[in-house]
Amino acid sequence: MKIWIATGGTGGHVFPALSVAEELVERGHRVTISCDYRVKNMVKSGKPIKSGIVCIWASGVGAKNRIKQMWSLFKIALSSLLLTLRFLVLRPDKVVAFGGYASVPAVFAAHVFKIPTFLHEQNAAIGRANKFTMRWVKTLMTSFPDVEGIPSNYSVRVIYTGLPVRKDILAAAGTPLPKSTSLFITGGSLGAQILDDVVPQALLQMKNKKIFVTHQTRPENVSKLQKLYADNKIKANVLSFVHDMAGTISNSSLIIGRSGASTVVELETIGRGAILVPLGINPDQAANAASFAKLGGGFAIQQEKFTPKWLAATLTELFDNPLRLEKMAKKSLVVNNAVKKIVDEVIK
């Protein structure tokens, strides 16, 4: 079977798509991936895809400048036309789109030729691109059991599949909490200034200094945080990039971070409690954090309420009650069979 996978924009869209592509190739299907130039190298770094990679000329429409918005829409429209012409010659049997602006052209082209299309929503709130393209698909697959904002006027079948994660994350599923008290702070690939400002100050207010801290931050903040922790005799590893995310999460008693879909699902797959601080301007992150807190896996707190005083009191309570940390870890654990569920749904 010839299957077309559409992805792009960020790693949060690309890595799940690559996981599904790899499984499809292993099952003997012929896969082509379309993406924007921004993530071309990221897609190429995955395992070889039999039919190759197609780059499209598209970019996000989030800019506030009206001219830039119109230019982005023009590029998406032109890419949609070019992919439609390509589908005329090399028509796939199925299309799987992983959301974001880069998936719009493939979904449109599939609609023109009435090709069965599967759309995946990674967040607990429907994104703008997916909300737009849902009019052309019959099946929506979701990362979370409940997703906000799905239009009721479209006859879409909604299936909860989960979000595909890397194999090293799957291998770490259900690992027990470490014996030593350890805290992992992560603000995503670009870091988060609010975490750099609040977390160290909260740790300074705590009486218990026997906490090992792993703090991922922006490159320009590494030396400053290293000095702050060292001057206050707090054992810490400060770094700008985490190469072994599975191992770092597994070796942590608690995580403090943003609530992007991939972060939340990785916590759920491994099973770790967390304090999540959604990016204020991103309703998707707020929905993801709320979904995680609903499991009982931790706290979802608004950025303006995330203060050193509140965090110091919360961390003291948690680290003084290790049984509560264990309960949070167990409640957060969600079995992840997303790749198998998605592939089974696509090829059946």
C-alpha atoms as a PDB file:
ATOM      1  CA  MET A   1       0.000   0.000   0.000  1.00  0.00           C
ATOM      2  CA  LYS A   2       1.239   3.540  -0.802  1.00  0.00           C
ATOM      3  CA  ILE A   3       0.858   5.790   2.231  1.00  0.00           C
ATOM      4  CA  TRP A   4       1.579   9.517   2.340  1.00  0.00           C
ATOM      5  CA  ILE A   5       2.503  11.095   5.689  1.00  0.00           C
ATOM      6  CA  ALA A   6       2.279  14.877   6.087  1.00  0.00           C
ATOM      7  CA  THR A   7       4.162  16.629   8.878  1.00  0.00           C
ATOM      8  CA  GLY A   8       6.307  19.675   9.589  1.00  0.00           C
ATOM      9  CA  GLY A   9       6.699  22.791  11.679  1.00  0.00           C
ATOM     10  CA  THR A  10       8.215  21.407  14.889  1.00  0.00           C
ATOM     11  CA  GLY A  11       9.697  18.249  16.357  1.00  0.00           C
ATOM     12  CA  GLY A  12       6.419  17.692  18.187  1.00  0.00           C
ATOM     13  CA  HIS A  13       4.795  16.994  14.817  1.00  0.00           C
ATOM     14  CA  VAL A  14       7.783  15.336  13.136  1.00  0.00           C
ATOM     15  CA  PHE A  15       8.893  12.671  15.647  1.00  0.00           C
ATOM     16  CA  PRO A  16       5.432  11.046  15.991  1.00  0.00           C
ATOM     17  CA  ALA A  17       5.165  10.997  12.183  1.00  0.00           C
ATOM     18  CA  LEU A  18       8.569   9.316  11.867  1.00  0.00           C
ATOM     19  CA  SER A  19       7.587   6.671  14.434  1.00  0.00           C
ATOM     20  CA  VAL A  20       4.482   5.802  12.425  1.00  0.00           C
ATOM     21  CA  ALA A  21       6.419   5.869   9.133  1.00  0.00           C
ATOM     22  CA  GLU A  22       9.005   3.460  10.530  1.00  0.00           C
ATOM     23  CA  GLU A  23       6.313   1.008  11.617  1.00  0.00           C
ATOM     24  CA  LEU A  24       4.573   1.191   8.243  1.00  0.00           C
ATOM     25  CA  VAL A  25       7.842   0.498   6.396  1.00  0.00           C
ATOM     26  CA  GLU A  26       8.550  -2.450   8.694  1.00  0.00           C
ATOM     27  CA  ARG A  27       5.141  -3.856   7.780  1.00  0.00           C
ATOM     28  CA  GLY A  28       6.035  -3.643   4.097  1.00  0.00           C
ATOM     29  CA  HIS A  29       4.182  -0.492   3.035  1.00  0.00           C
ATOM     30  CA  ARG A  30       5.583   2.194   0.767  1.00  0.00           C
ATOM     31  CA  VAL A  31       5.798   5.532   2.569  1.00  0.00           C
ATOM     32  CA  THR A  32       6.369   9.091   1.367  1.00  0.00           C
ATOM     33  CA  ILE A  33       6.729  11.996   3.817  1.00  0.00           C
ATOM     34  CA  SER A  34       5.949  15.599   2.944  1.00  0.00           C
ATOM     35  CA  CYS A  35       7.290  18.367   5.176  1.00  0.00           C
ATOM     36  CA  ASP A  36       8.403  21.994   5.079  1.00  0.00           C
ATOM     37  CA  TYR A  37      12.038  22.954   4.575  1.00  0.00           C
ATOM     38  CA  ARG A  38      12.363  23.959   8.224  1.00  0.00           C
ATOM     39  CA  VAL A  39      12.327  20.314   9.369  1.00  0.00           C
ATOM     40  CA  LYS A  40      13.838  18.697   6.266  1.00  0.00           C
ATOM     41  CA  ASN A  41      17.028  17.615   8.058  1.00  0.00           C
ATOM     42  CA  MET A  42      15.014  16.370  11.039  1.00  0.00           C
ATOM     43  CA  VAL A  43      12.968  14.126   8.750  1.00  0.00           C
ATOM     44  CA  LYS A  44      16.075  12.939   6.889  1.00  0.00           C
ATOM     45  CA  SER A  45      17.663  11.905  10.196  1.00  0.00           C
ATOM     46  CA  GLY A  46      14.970   9.279  10.647  1.00  0.00           C
ATOM     47  CA  LYS A  47      15.197   5.754   9.287  1.00  0.00           C
ATOM     48  CA  PRO A  48      15.142   5.589   5.441  1.00  0.00           C
ATOM     49  CA  ILE A  49      11.712   5.978   3.880  1.00  0.00           C
ATOM     50  CA  LYS A  50      11.212   3.831   0.803  1.00  0.00           C
ATOM     51  CA  SER A  51       9.633   6.421  -1.460  1.00  0.00           C
ATOM     52  CA  GLY A  52      11.489   9.452  -0.156  1.00  0.00           C
ATOM     53  CA  ILE A  53      10.774  12.916   1.138  1.00  0.00           C
ATOM     54  CA  VAL A  54       8.907  15.765  -0.529  1.00  0.00           C
ATOM     55  CA  CYS A  55       9.493  19.329   0.692  1.00  0.00           C
ATOM     56  CA  ILE A  56       6.678  21.847   0.379  1.00  0.00           C
ATOM     57  CA  TRP A  57       6.783  25.628   0.343  1.00  0.00           C
ATOM     58  CA  ALA A  58       4.739  26.546   3.400  1.00  0.00           C
ATOM     59  CA  SER A  59       5.010  28.440   6.660  1.00  0.00           C
ATOM     60  CA  GLY A  60       2.871  29.214   9.710  1.00  0.00           C
ATOM     61  CA  VAL A  61       0.140  31.843   9.689  1.00  0.00           C
ATOM     62  CA  GLY A  62       0.709  32.978  13.269  1.00  0.00           C
ATOM     63  CA  ALA A  63       2.471  36.247  12.436  1.00  0.00           C
ATOM     64  CA  LYS A  64       0.676  39.424  13.592  1.00  0.00           C
ATOM     65  CA  ASN A  65       1.711  41.300  10.464  1.00  0.00           C
ATOM     66  CA  ARG A  66      -1.153  41.170   7.952  1.00  0.00           C
ATOM     67  CA  ILE A  67       1.154  41.076   4.932  1.00  0.00           C
ATOM     68  CA  LYS A  68       3.113  38.140   6.389  1.00  0.00           C
ATOM     69  CA  GLN A  69      -0.126  36.300   7.083  1.00  0.00           C
ATOM     70  CA  MET A  70      -1.292  36.742   3.496  1.00  0.00           C
ATOM     71  CA  TRP A  71       2.109  35.627   2.195  1.00  0.00           C
ATOM     72  CA  SER A  72       1.948  32.475   4.354  1.00  0.00           C
ATOM     73  CA  LEU A  73      -1.550  31.691   3.103  1.00  0.00           C
ATOM     74  CA  PHE A  74      -0.373  32.138  -0.486  1.00  0.00           C
ATOM     75  CA  LYS A  75       2.486  29.665   0.055  1.00  0.00           C
ATOM     76  CA  ILE A  76       0.116  27.105   1.589  1.00  0.00           C
ATOM     77  CA  ALA A  77      -2.327  27.551  -1.304  1.00  0.00           C
ATOM     78  CA  LEU A  78       0.434  27.153  -3.903  1.00  0.00           C
ATOM     79  CA  SER A  79       1.800  24.064  -2.114  1.00  0.00           C
ATOM     80  CA  SER A  80      -1.725  22.612  -2.102  1.00  0.00           C
ATOM     81  CA  LEU A  81      -1.960  23.081  -5.881  1.00  0.00           C
ATOM     82  CA  LEU A  82       1.474  21.517  -6.488  1.00  0.00           C
ATOM     83  CA  LEU A  83       0.702  18.493  -4.297  1.00  0.00           C
ATOM     84  CA  THR A  84      -2.624  18.043  -6.073  1.00  0.00           C
ATOM     85  CA  LEU A  85      -0.745  17.827  -9.382  1.00  0.00           C
ATOM     86  CA  ARG A  86       1.707  15.354  -7.848  1.00  0.00           C
ATOM     87  CA  PHE A  87      -1.167  13.206  -6.535  1.00  0.00           C
ATOM     88  CA  LEU A  88      -2.580  13.174 -10.069  1.00  0.00           C
ATOM     89  CA  VAL A  89       0.480  11.166 -11.171  1.00  0.00           C
ATOM     90  CA  LEU A  90       1.548   9.347  -7.986  1.00  0.00           C
ATOM     91  CA  ARG A  91      -1.700   8.875  -6.129  1.00  0.00           C
ATOM     92  CA  PRO A  92      -1.305   7.367  -2.612  1.00  0.00           C
ATOM     93  CA  ASP A  93      -3.821   4.895  -1.191  1.00  0.00           C
ATOM     94  CA  LYS A  94      -4.028   6.635   2.210  1.00  0.00           C
ATOM     95  CA  VAL A  95      -2.905   9.947   3.718  1.00  0.00           C
ATOM     96  CA  VAL A  96      -1.951  10.452   7.373  1.00  0.00           C
ATOM     97  CA  ALA A  97      -1.543  14.079   8.511  1.00  0.00           C
ATOM     98  CA  PHE A  98       0.064  15.047  11.803  1.00  0.00           C
ATOM     99  CA  GLY A  99      -1.329  18.554  12.062  1.00  0.00           C
ATOM    100  CA  GLY A 100       0.140  22.011  11.674  1.00  0.00           C
ATOM    101  CA  TYR A 101       0.191  24.263   8.615  1.00  0.00           C
ATOM    102  CA  ALA A 102       2.523  21.870   6.730  1.00  0.00           C
ATOM    103  CA  SER A 103      -0.168  19.169   6.657  1.00  0.00           C
ATOM    104  CA  VAL A 104      -2.818  21.331   4.976  1.00  0.00           C
ATOM    105  CA  PRO A 105      -1.612  20.850   1.344  1.00  0.00           C
ATOM    106  CA  ALA A 106      -1.595  17.044   1.576  1.00  0.00           C
ATOM    107  CA  VAL A 107      -5.044  16.924   3.198  1.00  0.00           C
ATOM    108  CA  PHE A 108      -6.436  19.202   0.492  1.00  0.00           C
ATOM    109  CA  ALA A 109      -4.884  17.139  -2.315  1.00  0.00           C
ATOM    110  CA  ALA A 110      -6.276  13.949  -0.770  1.00  0.00           C
ATOM    111  CA  HIS A 111      -9.720  15.552  -0.575  1.00  0.00           C
ATOM    112  CA  VAL A 112      -9.632  16.415  -4.290  1.00  0.00           C
ATOM    113  CA  PHE A 113      -9.026  12.758  -5.198  1.00  0.00           C
ATOM    114  CA  LYS A 114     -11.220  11.340  -2.397  1.00  0.00           C
ATOM    115  CA  ILE A 115      -8.278   9.537  -0.800  1.00  0.00           C
ATOM    116  CA  PRO A 116      -9.019   8.252   2.742  1.00  0.00           C
ATOM    117  CA  THR A 117      -7.306  10.667   5.137  1.00  0.00           C
ATOM    118  CA  PHE A 118      -6.457  10.341   8.818  1.00  0.00           C
ATOM    119  CA  LEU A 119      -5.754  13.470  10.843  1.00  0.00           C
ATOM    120  CA  HIS A 120      -3.860  13.379  14.147  1.00  0.00           C
ATOM    121  CA  GLU A 121      -4.268  16.049  16.843  1.00  0.00           C
ATOM    122  CA  GLN A 122      -1.383  16.089  19.315  1.00  0.00           C
ATOM    123  CA  ASN A 123      -2.850  18.486  21.887  1.00  0.00           C
ATOM    124  CA  ALA A 124      -5.829  18.371  24.237  1.00  0.00           C
ATOM    125  CA  ALA A 125      -7.291  21.351  22.356  1.00  0.00           C
ATOM    126  CA  ILE A 126      -7.773  21.262  18.589  1.00  0.00           C
ATOM    127  CA  GLY A 127      -5.250  23.350  16.649  1.00  0.00           C
ATOM    128  CA  ARG A 128      -6.176  25.939  14.018  1.00  0.00           C
ATOM    129  CA  ALA A 129      -4.788  23.967  11.082  1.00  0.00           C
ATOM    130  CA  ASN A 130      -6.599  20.789  12.119  1.00  0.00           C
ATOM    131  CA  LYS A 131      -9.830  22.681  12.762  1.00  0.00           C
ATOM    132  CA  PHE A 132      -9.583  24.013   9.200  1.00  0.00           C
ATOM    133  CA  THR A 133      -8.785  20.688   7.513  1.00  0.00           C
ATOM    134  CA  MET A 134     -11.294  18.612   9.501  1.00  0.00           C
ATOM    135  CA  ARG A 135     -13.937  19.465   6.890  1.00  0.00           C
ATOM    136  CA  TRP A 136     -12.037  17.199   4.480  1.00  0.00           C
ATOM    137  CA  VAL A 137     -11.430  14.129   6.663  1.00  0.00           C
ATOM    138  CA  LYS A 138     -13.535  11.386   8.191  1.00  0.00           C
ATOM    139  CA  THR A 139     -11.208  10.232  10.989  1.00  0.00           C
ATOM    140  CA  LEU A 140      -9.528  12.290  13.709  1.00  0.00           C
ATOM    141  CA  MET A 141      -7.016  10.521  15.966  1.00  0.00           C
ATOM    142  CA  THR A 142      -6.169  12.177  19.295  1.00  0.00           C
ATOM    143  CA  SER A 143      -3.317  12.144  21.814  1.00  0.00           C
ATOM    144  CA  PHE A 144      -5.620  12.700  24.789  1.00  0.00           C
ATOM    145  CA  PRO A 145      -8.954  11.077  25.725  1.00  0.00           C
ATOM    146  CA  ASP A 146     -10.778  14.421  25.662  1.00  0.00           C
ATOM    147  CA  VAL A 147     -10.017  17.176  23.161  1.00  0.00           C
ATOM    148  CA  GLU A 148     -11.497  20.680  23.370  1.00  0.00           C
ATOM    149  CA  GLY A 149     -12.810  22.602  20.395  1.00  0.00           C
ATOM    150  CA  ILE A 150     -13.711  19.812  17.945  1.00  0.00           C
ATOM    151  CA  PRO A 151     -16.359  21.358  15.635  1.00  0.00           C
ATOM    152  CA  SER A 152     -19.719  19.632  16.000  1.00  0.00           C
ATOM    153  CA  ASN A 153     -20.816  20.455  12.453  1.00  0.00           C
ATOM    154  CA  TYR A 154     -18.381  17.979  10.846  1.00  0.00           C
ATOM    155  CA  SER A 155     -19.140  14.250  10.593  1.00  0.00           C
ATOM    156  CA  VAL A 156     -15.745  13.175  11.921  1.00  0.00           C
ATOM    157  CA  ARG A 157     -15.054   9.895  13.675  1.00  0.00           C
ATOM    158  CA  VAL A 158     -12.854  10.606  16.714  1.00  0.00           C
ATOM    159  CA  ILE A 159     -10.483   7.863  17.913  1.00  0.00           C
ATOM    160  CA  TYR A 160      -8.241   8.118  20.967  1.00  0.00           C
ATOM    161  CA  THR A 161      -4.911   6.601  19.925  1.00  0.00           C
ATOM    162  CA  GLY A 162      -2.393   8.487  22.054  1.00  0.00           C
ATOM    163  CA  LEU A 163       0.732  10.243  20.800  1.00  0.00           C
ATOM    164  CA  PRO A 164       3.654   8.201  19.401  1.00  0.00           C
ATOM    165  CA  VAL A 165       6.893   8.553  21.364  1.00  0.00           C
ATOM    166  CA  ARG A 166      10.455   7.394  20.734  1.00  0.00           C
ATOM    167  CA  LYS A 167      11.409   3.813  21.531  1.00  0.00           C
ATOM    168  CA  ASP A 168      13.719   4.834  24.391  1.00  0.00           C
ATOM    169  CA  ILE A 169      10.768   6.522  26.112  1.00  0.00           C
ATOM    170  CA  LEU A 170       8.681   3.365  25.663  1.00  0.00           C
ATOM    171  CA  ALA A 171      11.518   1.257  27.090  1.00  0.00           C
ATOM    172  CA  ALA A 172      11.511   3.390  30.261  1.00  0.00           C
ATOM    173  CA  ALA A 173       7.775   2.945  30.897  1.00  0.00           C
ATOM    174  CA  GLY A 174       6.924   2.150  34.502  1.00  0.00           C
ATOM    175  CA  THR A 175      10.459   2.456  35.893  1.00  0.00           C
ATOM    176  CA  PRO A 176      10.414   2.928  39.699  1.00  0.00           C
ATOM    177  CA  LEU A 177      11.251   6.254  41.300  1.00  0.00           C
ATOM    178  CA  PRO A 178      14.933   6.790  42.170  1.00  0.00           C
ATOM    179  CA  LYS A 179      15.942   6.310  45.790  1.00  0.00           C
ATOM    180  CA  SER A 180      17.580   9.727  45.995  1.00  0.00           C
ATOM    181  CA  THR A 181      15.568  12.955  45.813  1.00  0.00           C
ATOM    182  CA  SER A 182      16.016  14.516  42.387  1.00  0.00           C
ATOM    183  CA  LEU A 183      14.317  17.305  40.474  1.00  0.00           C
ATOM    184  CA  PHE A 184      14.278  17.847  36.707  1.00  0.00           C
ATOM    185  CA  ILE A 185      13.468  21.309  35.310  1.00  0.00           C
ATOM    186  CA  THR A 186      12.845  21.576  31.577  1.00  0.00           C
ATOM    187  CA  GLY A 187      11.500  24.439  29.536  1.00  0.00           C
ATOM    188  CA  GLY A 188      11.635  22.705  26.183  1.00  0.00           C
ATOM    189  CA  SER A 189      14.210  23.179  23.438  1.00  0.00           C
ATOM    190  CA  LEU A 190      14.378  26.953  23.954  1.00  0.00           C
ATOM    191  CA  GLY A 191      14.165  26.898  27.738  1.00  0.00           C
ATOM    192  CA  ALA A 192      11.669  28.944  29.765  1.00  0.00           C
ATOM    193  CA  GLN A 193      12.747  32.100  31.578  1.00  0.00           C
ATOM    194  CA  ILE A 194       9.988  31.812  34.178  1.00  0.00           C
ATOM    195  CA  LEU A 195      11.411  28.462  35.336  1.00  0.00           C
ATOM    196  CA  ASP A 196      14.945  29.906  35.526  1.00  0.00           C
ATOM    197  CA  ASP A 197      13.651  32.789  37.648  1.00  0.00           C
ATOM    198  CA  VAL A 198      11.337  30.927  40.014  1.00  0.00           C
ATOM    199  CA  VAL A 199      12.780  27.445  40.628  1.00  0.00           C
ATOM    200  CA  PRO A 200      16.244  28.433  41.990  1.00  0.00           C
ATOM    201  CA  GLN A 201      14.671  31.033  44.297  1.00  0.00           C
ATOM    202  CA  ALA A 202      12.214  28.443  45.598  1.00  0.00           C
ATOM    203  CA  LEU A 203      15.024  25.964  46.280  1.00  0.00           C
ATOM    204  CA  LEU A 204      16.898  28.646  48.255  1.00  0.00           C
ATOM    205  CA  GLN A 205      13.863  29.084  50.507  1.00  0.00           C
ATOM    206  CA  MET A 206      13.729  25.368  51.339  1.00  0.00           C
ATOM    207  CA  LYS A 207      15.480  23.923  54.380  1.00  0.00           C
ATOM    208  CA  ASN A 208      16.149  20.633  52.602  1.00  0.00           C
ATOM    209  CA  LYS A 209      19.148  21.190  50.328  1.00  0.00           C
ATOM    210  CA  LYS A 210      19.744  17.457  49.729  1.00  0.00           C
ATOM    211  CA  ILE A 211      18.092  17.595  46.339  1.00  0.00           C
ATOM    212  CA  PHE A 212      19.931  16.866  43.108  1.00  0.00           C
ATOM    213  CA  VAL A 213      18.794  19.235  40.378  1.00  0.00           C
ATOM    214  CA  THR A 214      18.964  18.723  36.615  1.00  0.00           C
ATOM    215  CA  HIS A 215      18.126  22.056  35.004  1.00  0.00           C
ATOM    216  CA  GLN A 216      17.752  22.431  31.244  1.00  0.00           C
ATOM    217  CA  THR A 217      17.864  26.065  30.183  1.00  0.00           C
ATOM    218  CA  ARG A 218      18.825  28.431  27.387  1.00  0.00           C
ATOM    219  CA  PRO A 219      22.536  28.375  26.446  1.00  0.00           C
ATOM    220  CA  GLU A 220      23.038  31.957  27.617  1.00  0.00           C
ATOM    221  CA  ASN A 221      21.698  31.108  31.099  1.00  0.00           C
ATOM    222  CA  VAL A 222      23.836  28.022  31.797  1.00  0.00           C
ATOM    223  CA  SER A 223      26.830  29.684  33.495  1.00  0.00           C
ATOM    224  CA  LYS A 224      24.645  32.005  35.586  1.00  0.00           C
ATOM    225  CA  LEU A 225      22.563  29.123  36.956  1.00  0.00           C
ATOM    226  CA  GLN A 226      25.640  26.961  37.541  1.00  0.00           C
ATOM    227  CA  LYS A 227      27.128  29.709  39.705  1.00  0.00           C
ATOM    228  CA  LEU A 228      23.884  30.296  41.593  1.00  0.00           C
ATOM    229  CA  TYR A 229      23.515  26.616  42.488  1.00  0.00           C
ATOM    230  CA  ALA A 230      27.209  26.234  43.376  1.00  0.00           C
ATOM    231  CA  ASP A 231      27.247  29.366  45.582  1.00  0.00           C
ATOM    232  CA  ASN A 232      24.309  27.985  47.554  1.00  0.00           C
ATOM    233  CA  LYS A 233      25.691  24.440  47.793  1.00  0.00           C
ATOM    234  CA  ILE A 234      22.912  22.875  45.759  1.00  0.00           C
ATOM    235  CA  LYS A 235      24.075  19.911  43.690  1.00  0.00           C
ATOM    236  CA  ALA A 236      23.018  20.585  40.137  1.00  0.00           C
ATOM    237  CA  ASN A 237      23.663  19.672  36.521  1.00  0.00           C
ATOM    238  CA  VAL A 238      22.813  22.661  34.323  1.00  0.00           C
ATOM    239  CA  LEU A 239      22.708  22.051  30.570  1.00  0.00           C
ATOM    240  CA  SER A 240      21.203  23.569  27.452  1.00  0.00           C
ATOM    241  CA  PHE A 241      20.166  20.315  25.781  1.00  0.00           C
ATOM    242  CA  VAL A 242      19.116  16.931  27.156  1.00  0.00           C
ATOM    243  CA  HIS A 243      20.443  14.110  24.971  1.00  0.00           C
ATOM    244  CA  ASP A 244      18.927  11.301  27.078  1.00  0.00           C
ATOM    245  CA  MET A 245      15.407  12.483  27.889  1.00  0.00           C
ATOM    246  CA  ALA A 246      14.193   9.004  28.814  1.00  0.00           C
ATOM    247  CA  GLY A 247      17.022   8.472  31.296  1.00  0.00           C
ATOM    248  CA  THR A 248      16.716  11.961  32.766  1.00  0.00           C
ATOM    249  CA  ILE A 249      12.978  11.615  33.399  1.00  0.00           C
ATOM    250  CA  SER A 250      13.436   8.088  34.801  1.00  0.00           C
ATOM    251  CA  ASN A 251      16.121   9.292  37.220  1.00  0.00           C
ATOM    252  CA  SER A 252      13.946  12.129  38.542  1.00  0.00           C
ATOM    253  CA  SER A 253      11.532  12.094  41.460  1.00  0.00           C
ATOM    254  CA  LEU A 254       9.584  15.061  40.090  1.00  0.00           C
ATOM    255  CA  ILE A 255       9.562  17.192  36.935  1.00  0.00           C
ATOM    256  CA  ILE A 256       8.839  20.907  36.571  1.00  0.00           C
ATOM    257  CA  GLY A 257       8.203  22.096  33.034  1.00  0.00           C
ATOM    258  CA  ARG A 258       6.002  23.463  30.312  1.00  0.00           C
ATOM    259  CA  SER A 259       3.148  21.348  28.973  1.00  0.00           C
ATOM    260  CA  GLY A 260       3.707  20.757  25.294  1.00  0.00           C
ATOM    261  CA  ALA A 261       1.998  17.582  24.104  1.00  0.00           C
ATOM    262  CA  SER A 262       5.220  15.593  23.703  1.00  0.00           C
ATOM    263  CA  THR A 263       6.414  16.556  27.212  1.00  0.00           C
ATOM    264  CA  VAL A 264       3.128  15.559  28.825  1.00  0.00           C
ATOM    265  CA  VAL A 265       2.854  12.261  26.934  1.00  0.00           C
ATOM    266  CA  GLU A 266       6.473  11.352  27.737  1.00  0.00           C
ATOM    267  CA  LEU A 267       5.708  11.891  31.450  1.00  0.00           C
ATOM    268  CA  GLU A 268       2.600   9.734  31.124  1.00  0.00           C
ATOM    269  CA  THR A 269       4.447   7.003  29.230  1.00  0.00           C
ATOM    270  CA  ILE A 270       7.276   6.722  31.781  1.00  0.00           C
ATOM    271  CA  GLY A 271       5.082   7.558  34.773  1.00  0.00           C
ATOM    272  CA  ARG A 272       6.318  10.613  36.664  1.00  0.00           C
ATOM    273  CA  GLY A 273       4.633  13.297  38.716  1.00  0.00           C
ATOM    274  CA  ALA A 274       5.059  16.874  37.581  1.00  0.00           C
ATOM    275  CA  ILE A 275       4.357  20.527  38.154  1.00  0.00           C
ATOM    276  CA  LEU A 276       3.319  21.939  34.793  1.00  0.00           C
ATOM    277  CA  VAL A 277       3.366  25.657  33.962  1.00  0.00           C
ATOM    278  CA  PRO A 278       1.587  26.165  30.607  1.00  0.00           C
ATOM    279  CA  LEU A 279       2.837  28.887  28.289  1.00  0.00           C
ATOM    280  CA  GLY A 280       0.381  31.709  28.943  1.00  0.00           C
ATOM    281  CA  ILE A 281      -0.323  32.549  25.297  1.00  0.00           C
ATOM    282  CA  ASN A 282      -0.878  28.909  24.310  1.00  0.00           C
ATOM    283  CA  PRO A 283      -4.357  27.445  25.039  1.00  0.00           C
ATOM    284  CA  ASP A 284      -3.139  24.045  23.806  1.00  0.00           C
ATOM    285  CA  GLN A 285      -0.615  23.813  26.665  1.00  0.00           C
ATOM    286  CA  ALA A 286      -3.248  24.790  29.232  1.00  0.00           C
ATOM    287  CA  ALA A 287      -5.499  21.963  28.003  1.00  0.00           C
ATOM    288  CA  ASN A 288      -2.600  19.478  28.056  1.00  0.00           C
ATOM    289  CA  ALA A 289      -1.671  20.417  31.636  1.00  0.00           C
ATOM    290  CA  ALA A 290      -5.294  20.174  32.764  1.00  0.00           C
ATOM    291  CA  SER A 291      -5.567  16.697  31.248  1.00  0.00           C
ATOM    292  CA  PHE A 292      -2.434  15.583  33.111  1.00  0.00           C
ATOM    293  CA  ALA A 293      -3.614  17.058  36.417  1.00  0.00           C
ATOM    294  CA  LYS A 294      -6.967  15.290  35.965  1.00  0.00           C
ATOM    295  CA  LEU A 295      -5.127  11.959  36.050  1.00  0.00           C
ATOM    296  CA  GLY A 296      -3.762  12.869  39.471  1.00  0.00           C
ATOM    297  CA  GLY A 297      -0.210  13.038  38.158  1.00  0.00           C
ATOM    298  CA  GLY A 298       0.538  16.516  39.419  1.00  0.00           C
ATOM    299  CA  PHE A 299      -0.236  20.204  39.298  1.00  0.00           C
ATOM    300  CA  ALA A 300      -1.249  22.534  36.490  1.00  0.00           C
ATOM    301  CA  ILE A 301      -0.561  26.082  37.632  1.00  0.00           C
ATOM    302  CA  GLN A 302      -0.936  29.367  35.781  1.00  0.00           C
ATOM    303  CA  GLN A 303       2.282  31.256  35.185  1.00  0.00           C
ATOM    304  CA  GLU A 304       1.226  34.290  37.253  1.00  0.00           C
ATOM    305  CA  LYS A 305       0.575  32.052  40.277  1.00  0.00           C
ATOM    306  CA  PHE A 306       3.868  30.190  39.890  1.00  0.00           C
ATOM    307  CA  THR A 307       5.865  32.035  42.565  1.00  0.00           C
ATOM    308  CA  PRO A 308       8.968  31.056  44.595  1.00  0.00           C
ATOM    309  CA  LYS A 309       6.880  31.044  47.796  1.00  0.00           C
ATOM    310  CA  TRP A 310       4.216  28.727  46.372  1.00  0.00           C
ATOM    311  CA  LEU A 311       6.779  26.432  44.769  1.00  0.00           C
ATOM    312  CA  ALA A 312       8.952  26.198  47.898  1.00  0.00           C
ATOM    313  CA  ALA A 313       5.931  25.190  49.993  1.00  0.00           C
ATOM    314  CA  THR A 314       4.753  22.670  47.373  1.00  0.00           C
ATOM    315  CA  LEU A 315       8.174  21.072  46.911  1.00  0.00           C
ATOM    316  CA  THR A 316       8.695  20.836  50.676  1.00  0.00           C
ATOM    317  CA  GLU A 317       5.358  19.074  51.076  1.00  0.00           C
ATOM    318  CA  LEU A 318       6.083  16.643  48.242  1.00  0.00           C
ATOM    319  CA  PHE A 319       9.681  15.804  49.149  1.00  0.00           C
ATOM    320  CA  ASP A 320       8.730  15.334  52.825  1.00  0.00           C
ATOM    321  CA  ASN A 321       6.111  12.790  51.705  1.00  0.00           C
ATOM    322  CA  PRO A 322       7.768  10.383  49.259  1.00  0.00           C
ATOM    323  CA  LEU A 323       4.683   8.157  49.267  1.00  0.00           C
ATOM    324  CA  ARG A 324       2.770  11.001  47.648  1.00  0.00           C
ATOM    325  CA  LEU A 325       5.373  11.219  44.892  1.00  0.00           C
ATOM    326  CA  GLU A 326       4.964   7.479  44.299  1.00  0.00           C
ATOM    327  CA  LYS A 327       1.182   7.860  44.072  1.00  0.00           C
ATOM    328  CA  MET A 328       1.543  10.724  41.591  1.00  0.00           C
ATOM    329  CA  ALA A 329       3.913   8.638  39.464  1.00  0.00           C
ATOM    330  CA  LYS A 330       1.500   5.693  39.414  1.00  0.00           C
ATOM    331  CA  LYS A 331      -1.520   7.857  38.592  1.00  0.00           C
ATOM    332  CA  SER A 332       0.312   9.611  35.759  1.00  0.00           C
ATOM    333  CA  LEU A 333       1.260   6.332  34.053  1.00  0.00           C
ATOM    334  CA  VAL A 334      -0.637   5.726  30.803  1.00  0.00           C
ATOM    335  CA  VAL A 335       0.086   2.722  28.569  1.00  0.00           C
ATOM    336  CA  ASN A 336       1.283   4.006  25.190  1.00  0.00           C
ATOM    337  CA  ASN A 337       0.383   1.871  22.185  1.00  0.00           C
ATOM    338  CA  ALA A 338      -0.068   4.875  19.900  1.00  0.00           C
ATOM    339  CA  VAL A 339       2.081   3.693  16.979  1.00  0.00           C
ATOM    340  CA  LYS A 340       0.335   0.322  16.756  1.00  0.00           C
ATOM    341  CA  LYS A 341      -3.131   1.862  17.141  1.00  0.00           C
ATOM    342  CA  ILE A 342      -2.511   4.455  14.430  1.00  0.00           C
ATOM    343  CA  VAL A 343      -0.952   2.013  11.970  1.00  0.00           C
ATOM    344  CA  ASP A 344      -3.658  -0.606  12.554  1.00  0.00           C
ATOM    345  CA  GLU A 345      -6.335   2.034  11.936  1.00  0.00           C
ATOM    346  CA  VAL A 346      -4.682   3.291   8.744  1.00  0.00           C
ATOM    347  CA  ILE A 347      -4.105  -0.054   7.064  1.00  0.00           C
ATOM    348  CA  LYS A 348      -7.230  -1.963   8.104  1.00  0.00           C
END
